[in-house]
PDB file of all heavy atoms in Angstrom:
ATOM      1  N   SER A   1      16.602  -2.637   1.309  1.00  0.00           N
ATOM      2  CA  SER A   1      15.481  -1.865   1.863  1.00  0.00           C
ATOM      3  C   SER A   1      14.514  -2.946   2.373  1.00  0.00           C
ATOM      4  O   SER A   1      14.316  -4.028   1.792  1.00  0.00           O
ATOM      5  CB  SER A   1      14.761  -1.085   0.766  1.00  0.00           C
ATOM      6  OG  SER A   1      15.575  -0.007   0.365  1.00  0.00           O
ATOM      7  N   PRO A   2      13.844  -2.600   3.442  1.00  0.00           N
ATOM      8  CA  PRO A   2      12.899  -3.566   4.038  1.00  0.00           C
ATOM      9  C   PRO A   2      11.578  -3.558   3.182  1.00  0.00           C
ATOM     10  O   PRO A   2      11.274  -2.646   2.429  1.00  0.00           O
ATOM     11  CB  PRO A   2      12.659  -2.976   5.432  1.00  0.00           C
ATOM     12  CG  PRO A   2      12.760  -1.530   5.228  1.00  0.00           C
ATOM     13  CD  PRO A   2      13.947  -1.347   4.231  1.00  0.00           C
ATOM     14  N   THR A   3      10.809  -4.572   3.356  1.00  0.00           N
ATOM     15  CA  THR A   3       9.486  -4.699   2.845  1.00  0.00           C
ATOM     16  C   THR A   3       8.669  -3.604   3.508  1.00  0.00           C
ATOM     17  O   THR A   3       8.722  -3.357   4.653  1.00  0.00           O
ATOM     18  CB  THR A   3       8.825  -6.022   3.090  1.00  0.00           C
ATOM     19  OG1 THR A   3       9.514  -7.053   2.464  1.00  0.00           O
ATOM     20  CG2 THR A   3       7.347  -6.024   2.651  1.00  0.00           C
ATOM     21  N   ARG A   4       7.918  -2.855   2.744  1.00  0.00           N
ATOM     22  CA  ARG A   4       7.103  -1.727   3.164  1.00  0.00           C
ATOM     23  C   ARG A   4       5.780  -2.278   3.566  1.00  0.00           C
ATOM     24  O   ARG A   4       5.156  -3.030   2.730  1.00  0.00           O
ATOM     25  CB  ARG A   4       7.031  -0.612   2.177  1.00  0.00           C
ATOM     26  CG  ARG A   4       8.297  -0.094   1.754  1.00  0.00           C
ATOM     27  CD  ARG A   4       8.239   1.003   0.690  1.00  0.00           C
ATOM     28  NE  ARG A   4       7.738   0.525  -0.526  1.00  0.00           N
ATOM     29  CZ  ARG A   4       7.898   1.239  -1.751  1.00  0.00           C
ATOM     30  NH1 ARG A   4       8.509   2.350  -1.704  1.00  0.00           N
ATOM     31  NH2 ARG A   4       7.398   0.775  -2.856  1.00  0.00           N
ATOM     32  N   VAL A   5       5.217  -1.923   4.631  1.00  0.00           N
ATOM     33  CA  VAL A   5       3.869  -2.416   5.134  1.00  0.00           C
ATOM     34  C   VAL A   5       3.095  -1.126   5.463  1.00  0.00           C
ATOM     35  O   VAL A   5       3.604  -0.292   6.201  1.00  0.00           O
ATOM     36  CB  VAL A   5       3.964  -3.330   6.344  1.00  0.00           C
ATOM     37  CG1 VAL A   5       2.564  -3.817   6.729  1.00  0.00           C
ATOM     38  CG2 VAL A   5       4.812  -4.549   6.061  1.00  0.00           C
ATOM     39  N   VAL A   6       1.860  -1.015   4.913  1.00  0.00           N
ATOM     40  CA  VAL A   6       1.142   0.219   5.219  1.00  0.00           C
ATOM     41  C   VAL A   6      -0.246  -0.215   5.594  1.00  0.00           C
ATOM     42  O   VAL A   6      -0.858  -1.136   4.972  1.00  0.00           O
ATOM     43  CB  VAL A   6       1.164   1.197   3.996  1.00  0.00           C
ATOM     44  CG1 VAL A   6       0.506   0.512   2.756  1.00  0.00           C
ATOM     45  CG2 VAL A   6       0.476   2.490   4.310  1.00  0.00           C
ATOM     46  N   MET A   7      -0.796   0.387   6.675  1.00  0.00           N
ATOM     47  CA  MET A   7      -2.117   0.114   7.085  1.00  0.00           C
ATOM     48  C   MET A   7      -2.949   1.169   6.347  1.00  0.00           C
ATOM     49  O   MET A   7      -2.806   2.346   6.480  1.00  0.00           O
ATOM     50  CB  MET A   7      -2.248   0.414   8.654  1.00  0.00           C
ATOM     51  CG  MET A   7      -1.390  -0.550   9.523  1.00  0.00           C
ATOM     52  SD  MET A   7      -1.762  -2.249   9.401  1.00  0.00           S
ATOM     53  CE  MET A   7      -3.544  -2.110  10.102  1.00  0.00           C
ATOM     54  N   ASP A   8      -3.938   0.646   5.603  1.00  0.00           N
ATOM     55  CA  ASP A   8      -4.837   1.592   4.842  1.00  0.00           C
ATOM     56  C   ASP A   8      -6.186   0.908   4.833  1.00  0.00           C
ATOM     57  O   ASP A   8      -6.634   0.407   3.745  1.00  0.00           O
ATOM     58  CB  ASP A   8      -4.313   1.785   3.386  1.00  0.00           C
ATOM     59  CG  ASP A   8      -5.051   2.912   2.668  1.00  0.00           C
ATOM     60  OD1 ASP A   8      -5.829   3.563   3.270  1.00  0.00           O
ATOM     61  OD2 ASP A   8      -4.736   3.109   1.457  1.00  0.00           O
ATOM     62  N   ARG A   9      -6.884   1.044   5.913  1.00  0.00           N
ATOM     63  CA  ARG A   9      -8.141   0.380   6.121  1.00  0.00           C
ATOM     64  C   ARG A   9      -9.191   0.620   4.898  1.00  0.00           C
ATOM     65  O   ARG A   9      -9.800  -0.275   4.437  1.00  0.00           O
ATOM     66  CB  ARG A   9      -8.809   0.822   7.389  1.00  0.00           C
ATOM     67  CG  ARG A   9     -10.118   0.208   7.731  1.00  0.00           C
ATOM     68  CD  ARG A   9     -10.629   0.722   9.036  1.00  0.00           C
ATOM     69  NE  ARG A   9     -11.760   0.002   9.457  1.00  0.00           N
ATOM     70  CZ  ARG A   9     -12.302   0.043  10.606  1.00  0.00           C
ATOM     71  NH1 ARG A   9     -11.787   0.813  11.601  1.00  0.00           N
ATOM     72  NH2 ARG A   9     -13.468  -0.632  10.917  1.00  0.00           N
ATOM     73  N   LYS A  10      -9.318   1.866   4.486  1.00  0.00           N
ATOM     74  CA  LYS A  10     -10.276   2.217   3.492  1.00  0.00           C
ATOM     75  C   LYS A  10      -9.635   2.469   2.107  1.00  0.00           C
ATOM     76  O   LYS A  10     -10.315   3.179   1.321  1.00  0.00           O
ATOM     77  CB  LYS A  10     -11.161   3.367   3.968  1.00  0.00           C
ATOM     78  CG  LYS A  10     -11.890   2.968   5.206  1.00  0.00           C
ATOM     79  CD  LYS A  10     -12.735   4.198   5.714  1.00  0.00           C
ATOM     80  CE  LYS A  10     -13.446   3.759   6.990  1.00  0.00           C
ATOM     81  NZ  LYS A  10     -14.208   4.935   7.523  1.00  0.00           N
ATOM     82  N   LEU A  11      -8.375   2.168   1.928  1.00  0.00           N
ATOM     83  CA  LEU A  11      -7.686   2.439   0.712  1.00  0.00           C
ATOM     84  C   LEU A  11      -7.697   3.920   0.274  1.00  0.00           C
ATOM     85  O   LEU A  11      -8.139   4.247  -0.783  1.00  0.00           O
ATOM     86  CB  LEU A  11      -8.258   1.543  -0.471  1.00  0.00           C
ATOM     87  CG  LEU A  11      -8.092   0.006  -0.254  1.00  0.00           C
ATOM     88  CD1 LEU A  11      -8.733  -0.782  -1.310  1.00  0.00           C
ATOM     89  CD2 LEU A  11      -6.594  -0.330  -0.127  1.00  0.00           C
ATOM     90  N   ARG A  12      -7.347   4.725   1.192  1.00  0.00           N
ATOM     91  CA  ARG A  12      -7.341   6.195   1.052  1.00  0.00           C
ATOM     92  C   ARG A  12      -6.009   6.807   0.473  1.00  0.00           C
ATOM     93  O   ARG A  12      -5.971   7.944   0.108  1.00  0.00           O
ATOM     94  CB  ARG A  12      -7.637   7.015   2.343  1.00  0.00           C
ATOM     95  CG  ARG A  12      -9.001   6.619   2.914  1.00  0.00           C
ATOM     96  CD  ARG A  12      -9.373   7.498   4.105  1.00  0.00           C
ATOM     97  NE  ARG A  12      -8.416   7.444   5.225  1.00  0.00           N
ATOM     98  CZ  ARG A  12      -7.630   8.486   5.608  1.00  0.00           C
ATOM     99  NH1 ARG A  12      -7.726   9.649   5.076  1.00  0.00           N
ATOM    100  NH2 ARG A  12      -6.838   8.247   6.662  1.00  0.00           N
ATOM    101  N   ILE A  13      -4.937   5.968   0.488  1.00  0.00           N
ATOM    102  CA  ILE A  13      -3.663   6.488   0.042  1.00  0.00           C
ATOM    103  C   ILE A  13      -3.726   6.718  -1.459  1.00  0.00           C
ATOM    104  O   ILE A  13      -4.117   5.804  -2.259  1.00  0.00           O
ATOM    105  CB  ILE A  13      -2.556   5.512   0.407  1.00  0.00           C
ATOM    106  CG1 ILE A  13      -2.514   5.337   1.936  1.00  0.00           C
ATOM    107  CG2 ILE A  13      -1.162   5.978  -0.119  1.00  0.00           C
ATOM    108  CD1 ILE A  13      -1.623   4.269   2.429  1.00  0.00           C
ATOM    109  N   PRO A  14      -3.338   7.945  -1.983  1.00  0.00           N
ATOM    110  CA  PRO A  14      -3.354   8.137  -3.428  1.00  0.00           C
ATOM    111  C   PRO A  14      -2.592   7.145  -4.147  1.00  0.00           C
ATOM    112  O   PRO A  14      -1.415   6.769  -3.773  1.00  0.00           O
ATOM    113  CB  PRO A  14      -2.753   9.558  -3.527  1.00  0.00           C
ATOM    114  CG  PRO A  14      -3.019  10.203  -2.181  1.00  0.00           C
ATOM    115  CD  PRO A  14      -2.916   9.054  -1.196  1.00  0.00           C
ATOM    116  N   GLU A  15      -2.981   6.781  -5.364  1.00  0.00           N
ATOM    117  CA  GLU A  15      -2.321   5.808  -6.187  1.00  0.00           C
ATOM    118  C   GLU A  15      -0.871   6.318  -6.732  1.00  0.00           C
ATOM    119  O   GLU A  15      -0.138   5.451  -7.016  1.00  0.00           O
ATOM    120  CB  GLU A  15      -3.229   5.479  -7.408  1.00  0.00           C
ATOM    121  CG  GLU A  15      -4.374   4.622  -6.955  1.00  0.00           C
ATOM    122  CD  GLU A  15      -5.270   4.250  -8.162  1.00  0.00           C
ATOM    123  OE1 GLU A  15      -4.790   4.172  -9.272  1.00  0.00           O
ATOM    124  OE2 GLU A  15      -6.478   4.044  -8.056  1.00  0.00           O
ATOM    125  N   ASP A  16      -0.674   7.582  -6.738  1.00  0.00           N
ATOM    126  CA  ASP A  16       0.593   8.013  -7.184  1.00  0.00           C
ATOM    127  C   ASP A  16       1.598   8.170  -5.995  1.00  0.00           C
ATOM    128  O   ASP A  16       2.680   8.721  -6.177  1.00  0.00           O
ATOM    129  CB  ASP A  16       0.463   9.394  -7.862  1.00  0.00           C
ATOM    130  CG  ASP A  16      -0.068  10.494  -6.983  1.00  0.00           C
ATOM    131  OD1 ASP A  16      -0.485  10.223  -5.853  1.00  0.00           O
ATOM    132  OD2 ASP A  16       0.074  11.658  -7.370  1.00  0.00           O
ATOM    133  N   SER A  17       1.345   7.574  -4.851  1.00  0.00           N
ATOM    134  CA  SER A  17       2.197   7.671  -3.650  1.00  0.00           C
ATOM    135  C   SER A  17       3.520   6.876  -3.956  1.00  0.00           C
ATOM    136  O   SER A  17       3.424   5.822  -4.680  1.00  0.00           O
ATOM    137  CB  SER A  17       1.553   7.104  -2.497  1.00  0.00           C
ATOM    138  OG  SER A  17       0.450   8.009  -2.154  1.00  0.00           O
ATOM    139  N   ALA A  18       4.563   7.301  -3.370  1.00  0.00           N
ATOM    140  CA  ALA A  18       5.842   6.537  -3.434  1.00  0.00           C
ATOM    141  C   ALA A  18       5.742   5.132  -3.030  1.00  0.00           C
ATOM    142  O   ALA A  18       6.432   4.253  -3.528  1.00  0.00           O
ATOM    143  CB  ALA A  18       6.952   7.401  -2.632  1.00  0.00           C
ATOM    144  N   LEU A  19       4.849   4.822  -2.117  1.00  0.00           N
ATOM    145  CA  LEU A  19       4.733   3.526  -1.544  1.00  0.00           C
ATOM    146  C   LEU A  19       4.215   2.556  -2.610  1.00  0.00           C
ATOM    147  O   LEU A  19       4.406   1.358  -2.501  1.00  0.00           O
ATOM    148  CB  LEU A  19       3.770   3.430  -0.368  1.00  0.00           C
ATOM    149  CG  LEU A  19       4.224   4.176   0.915  1.00  0.00           C
ATOM    150  CD1 LEU A  19       3.076   4.183   1.935  1.00  0.00           C
ATOM    151  CD2 LEU A  19       5.421   3.413   1.488  1.00  0.00           C
ATOM    152  N   PHE A  20       3.606   3.094  -3.676  1.00  0.00           N
ATOM    153  CA  PHE A  20       3.047   2.243  -4.727  1.00  0.00           C
ATOM    154  C   PHE A  20       3.888   2.210  -5.946  1.00  0.00           C
ATOM    155  O   PHE A  20       3.418   1.781  -7.010  1.00  0.00           O
ATOM    156  CB  PHE A  20       1.606   2.762  -5.045  1.00  0.00           C
ATOM    157  CG  PHE A  20       0.633   2.635  -3.897  1.00  0.00           C
ATOM    158  CD1 PHE A  20      -0.403   3.548  -3.759  1.00  0.00           C
ATOM    159  CD2 PHE A  20       0.797   1.684  -2.964  1.00  0.00           C
ATOM    160  CE1 PHE A  20      -1.363   3.488  -2.789  1.00  0.00           C
ATOM    161  CE2 PHE A  20      -0.127   1.585  -1.872  1.00  0.00           C
ATOM    162  CZ  PHE A  20      -1.211   2.486  -1.743  1.00  0.00           C
ATOM    163  N   ASP A  21       5.096   2.658  -5.918  1.00  0.00           N
ATOM    164  CA  ASP A  21       6.042   2.653  -7.128  1.00  0.00           C
ATOM    165  C   ASP A  21       6.582   1.280  -7.482  1.00  0.00           C
ATOM    166  O   ASP A  21       7.156   1.186  -8.500  1.00  0.00           O
ATOM    167  CB  ASP A  21       7.090   3.698  -6.901  1.00  0.00           C
ATOM    168  CG  ASP A  21       8.166   3.224  -5.885  1.00  0.00           C
ATOM    169  OD1 ASP A  21       8.052   2.131  -5.301  1.00  0.00           O
ATOM    170  OD2 ASP A  21       9.088   4.014  -5.600  1.00  0.00           O
ATOM    171  N   GLU A  22       6.220   0.312  -6.730  1.00  0.00           N
ATOM    172  CA  GLU A  22       6.620  -1.124  -6.986  1.00  0.00           C
ATOM    173  C   GLU A  22       8.197  -1.337  -6.968  1.00  0.00           C
ATOM    174  O   GLU A  22       8.603  -2.304  -7.466  1.00  0.00           O
ATOM    175  CB  GLU A  22       5.942  -1.647  -8.156  1.00  0.00           C
ATOM    176  CG  GLU A  22       4.404  -1.619  -8.008  1.00  0.00           C
ATOM    177  CD  GLU A  22       3.722  -2.595  -8.909  1.00  0.00           C
ATOM    178  OE1 GLU A  22       4.170  -3.787  -9.096  1.00  0.00           O
ATOM    179  OE2 GLU A  22       2.653  -2.252  -9.513  1.00  0.00           O
ATOM    180  N   SER A  23       8.929  -0.403  -6.533  1.00  0.00           N
ATOM    181  CA  SER A  23      10.330  -0.503  -6.546  1.00  0.00           C
ATOM    182  C   SER A  23      10.728  -1.472  -5.411  1.00  0.00           C
ATOM    183  O   SER A  23      11.908  -2.051  -5.439  1.00  0.00           O
ATOM    184  CB  SER A  23      11.124   0.773  -6.337  1.00  0.00           C
ATOM    185  OG  SER A  23      10.804   1.332  -5.076  1.00  0.00           O
ATOM    186  N   ILE A  24       9.948  -1.640  -4.354  1.00  0.00           N
ATOM    187  CA  ILE A  24      10.267  -2.431  -3.175  1.00  0.00           C
ATOM    188  C   ILE A  24       8.930  -3.197  -2.884  1.00  0.00           C
ATOM    189  O   ILE A  24       7.857  -2.614  -3.132  1.00  0.00           O
ATOM    190  CB  ILE A  24      10.624  -1.529  -1.969  1.00  0.00           C
ATOM    191  CG1 ILE A  24      11.802  -0.705  -2.259  1.00  0.00           C
ATOM    192  CG2 ILE A  24      10.838  -2.382  -0.747  1.00  0.00           C
ATOM    193  CD1 ILE A  24      12.050   0.414  -1.216  1.00  0.00           C
ATOM    194  N   LYS A  25       9.030  -4.404  -2.441  1.00  0.00           N
ATOM    195  CA  LYS A  25       7.859  -5.160  -2.028  1.00  0.00           C
ATOM    196  C   LYS A  25       7.101  -4.296  -0.975  1.00  0.00           C
ATOM    197  O   LYS A  25       7.638  -3.869   0.004  1.00  0.00           O
ATOM    198  CB  LYS A  25       8.297  -6.488  -1.464  1.00  0.00           C
ATOM    199  CG  LYS A  25       7.036  -7.372  -1.080  1.00  0.00           C
ATOM    200  CD  LYS A  25       7.416  -8.731  -0.641  1.00  0.00           C
ATOM    201  CE  LYS A  25       6.273  -9.560  -0.138  1.00  0.00           C
ATOM    202  NZ  LYS A  25       6.728 -10.804   0.359  1.00  0.00           N
ATOM    203  N   THR A  26       5.806  -4.149  -1.275  1.00  0.00           N
ATOM    204  CA  THR A  26       4.860  -3.421  -0.380  1.00  0.00           C
ATOM    205  C   THR A  26       3.721  -4.170  -0.151  1.00  0.00           C
ATOM    206  O   THR A  26       3.039  -4.709  -1.051  1.00  0.00           O
ATOM    207  CB  THR A  26       4.552  -2.022  -1.029  1.00  0.00           C
ATOM    208  OG1 THR A  26       5.774  -1.342  -1.368  1.00  0.00           O
ATOM    209  CG2 THR A  26       3.709  -1.179  -0.131  1.00  0.00           C
ATOM    210  N   ILE A  27       3.351  -4.273   1.122  1.00  0.00           N
ATOM    211  CA  ILE A  27       2.152  -4.932   1.604  1.00  0.00           C
ATOM    212  C   ILE A  27       1.121  -3.959   2.099  1.00  0.00           C
ATOM    213  O   ILE A  27       1.457  -3.202   3.060  1.00  0.00           O
ATOM    214  CB  ILE A  27       2.338  -6.041   2.673  1.00  0.00           C
ATOM    215  CG1 ILE A  27       3.288  -7.079   2.094  1.00  0.00           C
ATOM    216  CG2 ILE A  27       1.078  -6.651   3.135  1.00  0.00           C
ATOM    217  CD1 ILE A  27       3.875  -8.084   3.112  1.00  0.00           C
ATOM    218  N   VAL A  28      -0.010  -3.792   1.543  1.00  0.00           N
ATOM    219  CA  VAL A  28      -1.067  -2.943   2.047  1.00  0.00           C
ATOM    220  C   VAL A  28      -2.088  -3.706   2.814  1.00  0.00           C
ATOM    221  O   VAL A  28      -2.766  -4.696   2.313  1.00  0.00           O
ATOM    222  CB  VAL A  28      -1.768  -2.262   0.816  1.00  0.00           C
ATOM    223  CG1 VAL A  28      -2.830  -1.270   1.330  1.00  0.00           C
ATOM    224  CG2 VAL A  28      -0.778  -1.451  -0.037  1.00  0.00           C
ATOM    225  N   ILE A  29      -2.201  -3.481   4.159  1.00  0.00           N
ATOM    226  CA  ILE A  29      -3.117  -4.174   4.987  1.00  0.00           C
ATOM    227  C   ILE A  29      -4.398  -3.266   4.977  1.00  0.00           C
ATOM    228  O   ILE A  29      -4.330  -2.156   5.444  1.00  0.00           O
ATOM    229  CB  ILE A  29      -2.608  -4.388   6.371  1.00  0.00           C
ATOM    230  CG1 ILE A  29      -1.370  -5.300   6.223  1.00  0.00           C
ATOM    231  CG2 ILE A  29      -3.657  -4.995   7.256  1.00  0.00           C
ATOM    232  CD1 ILE A  29      -0.672  -5.581   7.528  1.00  0.00           C
ATOM    233  N   CYS A  30      -5.480  -3.826   4.354  1.00  0.00           N
ATOM    234  CA  CYS A  30      -6.700  -3.039   4.158  1.00  0.00           C
ATOM    235  C   CYS A  30      -7.930  -3.860   4.798  1.00  0.00           C
ATOM    236  O   CYS A  30      -7.844  -5.043   5.132  1.00  0.00           O
ATOM    237  CB  CYS A  30      -6.903  -2.672   2.753  1.00  0.00           C
ATOM    238  SG  CYS A  30      -6.906  -4.153   1.582  1.00  0.00           S
ATOM    239  N   GLY A  31      -9.034  -3.079   4.879  1.00  0.00           N
ATOM    240  CA  GLY A  31     -10.194  -3.723   5.405  1.00  0.00           C
ATOM    241  C   GLY A  31     -11.335  -3.740   4.352  1.00  0.00           C
ATOM    242  O   GLY A  31     -12.331  -4.399   4.542  1.00  0.00           O
ATOM    243  N   THR A  32     -11.134  -2.965   3.328  1.00  0.00           N
ATOM    244  CA  THR A  32     -12.124  -2.994   2.282  1.00  0.00           C
ATOM    245  C   THR A  32     -11.628  -3.802   1.026  1.00  0.00           C
ATOM    246  O   THR A  32     -10.462  -4.107   1.018  1.00  0.00           O
ATOM    247  CB  THR A  32     -12.496  -1.553   1.714  1.00  0.00           C
ATOM    248  OG1 THR A  32     -11.245  -1.009   1.259  1.00  0.00           O
ATOM    249  CG2 THR A  32     -12.978  -0.675   2.936  1.00  0.00           C
ATOM    250  N   SER A  33     -12.530  -4.124   0.247  1.00  0.00           N
ATOM    251  CA  SER A  33     -12.157  -4.994  -0.912  1.00  0.00           C
ATOM    252  C   SER A  33     -11.080  -4.372  -1.712  1.00  0.00           C
ATOM    253  O   SER A  33     -11.037  -3.196  -2.050  1.00  0.00           O
ATOM    254  CB  SER A  33     -13.336  -5.227  -1.750  1.00  0.00           C
ATOM    255  OG  SER A  33     -12.975  -5.956  -2.910  1.00  0.00           O
ATOM    256  N   SER A  34     -10.019  -5.167  -1.982  1.00  0.00           N
ATOM    257  CA  SER A  34      -8.930  -4.701  -2.747  1.00  0.00           C
ATOM    258  C   SER A  34      -9.073  -5.045  -4.318  1.00  0.00           C
ATOM    259  O   SER A  34      -8.106  -5.017  -5.033  1.00  0.00           O
ATOM    260  CB  SER A  34      -7.586  -5.293  -2.199  1.00  0.00           C
ATOM    261  OG  SER A  34      -7.689  -6.691  -2.283  1.00  0.00           O
ATOM    262  N   GLU A  35     -10.262  -5.362  -4.730  1.00  0.00           N
ATOM    263  CA  GLU A  35     -10.494  -5.822  -6.039  1.00  0.00           C
ATOM    264  C   GLU A  35     -10.197  -4.660  -7.090  1.00  0.00           C
ATOM    265  O   GLU A  35      -9.698  -4.955  -8.144  1.00  0.00           O
ATOM    266  CB  GLU A  35     -11.915  -6.237  -6.275  1.00  0.00           C
ATOM    267  CG  GLU A  35     -12.284  -7.564  -5.551  1.00  0.00           C
ATOM    268  CD  GLU A  35     -13.778  -7.828  -5.684  1.00  0.00           C
ATOM    269  OE1 GLU A  35     -14.492  -7.311  -6.434  1.00  0.00           O
ATOM    270  OE2 GLU A  35     -14.136  -8.796  -4.919  1.00  0.00           O
TER     271      GLU A  35
END
């Protein structure tokens, strides 16, 4: 499976999304603080 990359400027994607299951490397490109 490829690395998943998701554009999420304001971190609006729900935390229970499949993209966040950590089964595959996922890079979230965001514009707000990711702290």
